Amino acid sequence: MTGMPRVHALALNETDQDASLDIALGVASYFRLDKAEASTIAKNVGDAVATWHDVAPHHGLTANQVDWMATAFEHDHLAAVRA
C-alpha cells in the first residue's frame, strides 16, 4: 500500500473526490442499493481485481504502467472489503 493520495476524476458525491470506501458505501442509496448490497458488490469487485498485478502483464501492460496504476488497486480499502 502506498502513501500516495487516491482521488477520482469524478466525485462520488457532491463534495468529495477522495477515493474512499466509506464514500462509495455512503452513496449506495443513489443507486437504489442498501448497505448490505453495496458491501457485497464491493467485495465481489475486490475479489475480481485482487490478482490484477499478475494479470496485467498478460494483457500487454509494461512494468511502468503496472506501477503507475498500482494505487488504484493496492490499498487498505481493497483489503477491508476482502476480509
Protein backbone atom coordinates (compact mmCIF):
# COMPACT_ATOMS: atom_id res chain seq x y z
CA MET A 1 0.00 0.00 0.00
CA THR A 2 1.38 3.35 -0.92
CA GLY A 3 1.03 6.67 0.84
CA MET A 4 0.04 8.45 -2.35
CA PRO A 5 -3.34 10.23 -2.25
CA ARG A 6 -6.12 8.46 -4.09
CA VAL A 7 -8.74 10.58 -5.85
CA HIS A 8 -11.38 10.01 -8.50
CA ALA A 9 -11.53 12.07 -11.67
CA LEU A 10 -15.25 12.32 -10.94
CA ALA A 11 -16.56 12.87 -7.42
CA LEU A 12 -18.67 10.09 -5.93
CA ASN A 13 -20.74 12.61 -4.02
CA GLU A 14 -21.38 16.32 -4.19
CA THR A 15 -18.42 17.36 -2.08
CA ASP A 16 -15.53 14.92 -2.13
CA GLN A 17 -13.23 13.40 -4.76
CA ASP A 18 -11.40 11.17 -2.30
CA ALA A 19 -11.28 7.50 -3.28
CA SER A 20 -12.93 6.18 -0.16
CA LEU A 21 -14.86 3.01 0.54
CA ASP A 22 -16.86 4.93 3.13
CA ILE A 23 -17.92 7.47 0.50
CA ALA A 24 -18.77 4.74 -2.02
CA LEU A 25 -20.91 2.91 0.52
CA GLY A 26 -22.41 6.21 1.65
CA VAL A 27 -23.82 6.94 -1.81
CA ALA A 28 -25.19 3.42 -2.33
CA SER A 29 -28.75 4.68 -1.99
CA TYR A 30 -28.18 6.92 -5.06
CA PHE A 31 -28.09 3.63 -6.97
CA ARG A 32 -31.01 2.06 -5.10
CA LEU A 33 -28.73 -0.22 -3.11
CA ASP A 34 -28.85 -0.81 0.59
CA LYS A 35 -25.63 -1.04 2.57
CA ALA A 36 -25.57 -4.86 2.52
CA GLU A 37 -25.96 -4.95 -1.28
CA ALA A 38 -23.28 -2.30 -1.73
CA SER A 39 -20.91 -4.16 0.59
CA THR A 40 -21.45 -7.39 -1.36
CA ILE A 41 -20.72 -5.62 -4.63
CA ALA A 42 -17.59 -4.04 -3.14
CA LYS A 43 -16.37 -7.47 -2.01
CA ASN A 44 -17.09 -9.00 -5.41
CA VAL A 45 -15.17 -6.23 -7.16
CA GLY A 46 -12.34 -6.55 -4.64
CA ASP A 47 -12.11 -10.28 -5.30
CA ALA A 48 -12.19 -9.70 -9.06
CA VAL A 49 -9.32 -7.19 -9.05
CA ALA A 50 -7.20 -8.87 -6.37
CA THR A 51 -4.96 -10.56 -8.94
CA TRP A 52 -4.70 -7.58 -11.28
CA HIS A 53 -0.93 -7.28 -10.77
CA ASP A 54 -0.38 -10.79 -12.09
CA VAL A 55 -2.89 -10.48 -14.93
CA ALA A 56 -1.92 -7.04 -16.27
CA PRO A 57 1.36 -8.07 -17.97
CA HIS A 58 -0.52 -10.81 -19.86
CA HIS A 59 -2.58 -8.02 -21.43
CA GLY A 60 0.45 -6.09 -22.64
CA LEU A 61 0.98 -3.65 -19.78
CA THR A 62 4.58 -2.75 -19.10
CA ALA A 63 6.10 -2.77 -15.62
CA ASN A 64 5.96 1.05 -15.60
CA GLN A 65 2.27 1.01 -16.50
CA VAL A 66 1.55 -1.53 -13.77
CA ASP A 67 3.44 0.58 -11.22
CA TRP A 68 1.57 3.71 -12.33
CA MET A 69 -1.80 2.02 -11.80
CA ALA A 70 -0.94 0.33 -8.50
CA THR A 71 -2.64 2.88 -6.25
CA ALA A 72 -5.94 2.19 -7.98
CA PHE A 73 -5.80 -1.44 -6.89
CA GLU A 74 -3.44 -1.79 -3.93
CA HIS A 75 -4.81 0.00 -0.90
CA ASP A 76 -6.32 -0.60 2.52
CA HIS A 77 -9.88 -0.44 1.18
CA LEU A 78 -9.27 -3.48 -1.01
CA ALA A 79 -8.02 -5.47 1.95
CA ALA A 80 -11.02 -4.32 4.02
CA VAL A 81 -13.67 -5.43 1.53
CA ARG A 82 -12.00 -8.81 1.02
CA ALA A 83 -11.78 -9.54 4.78
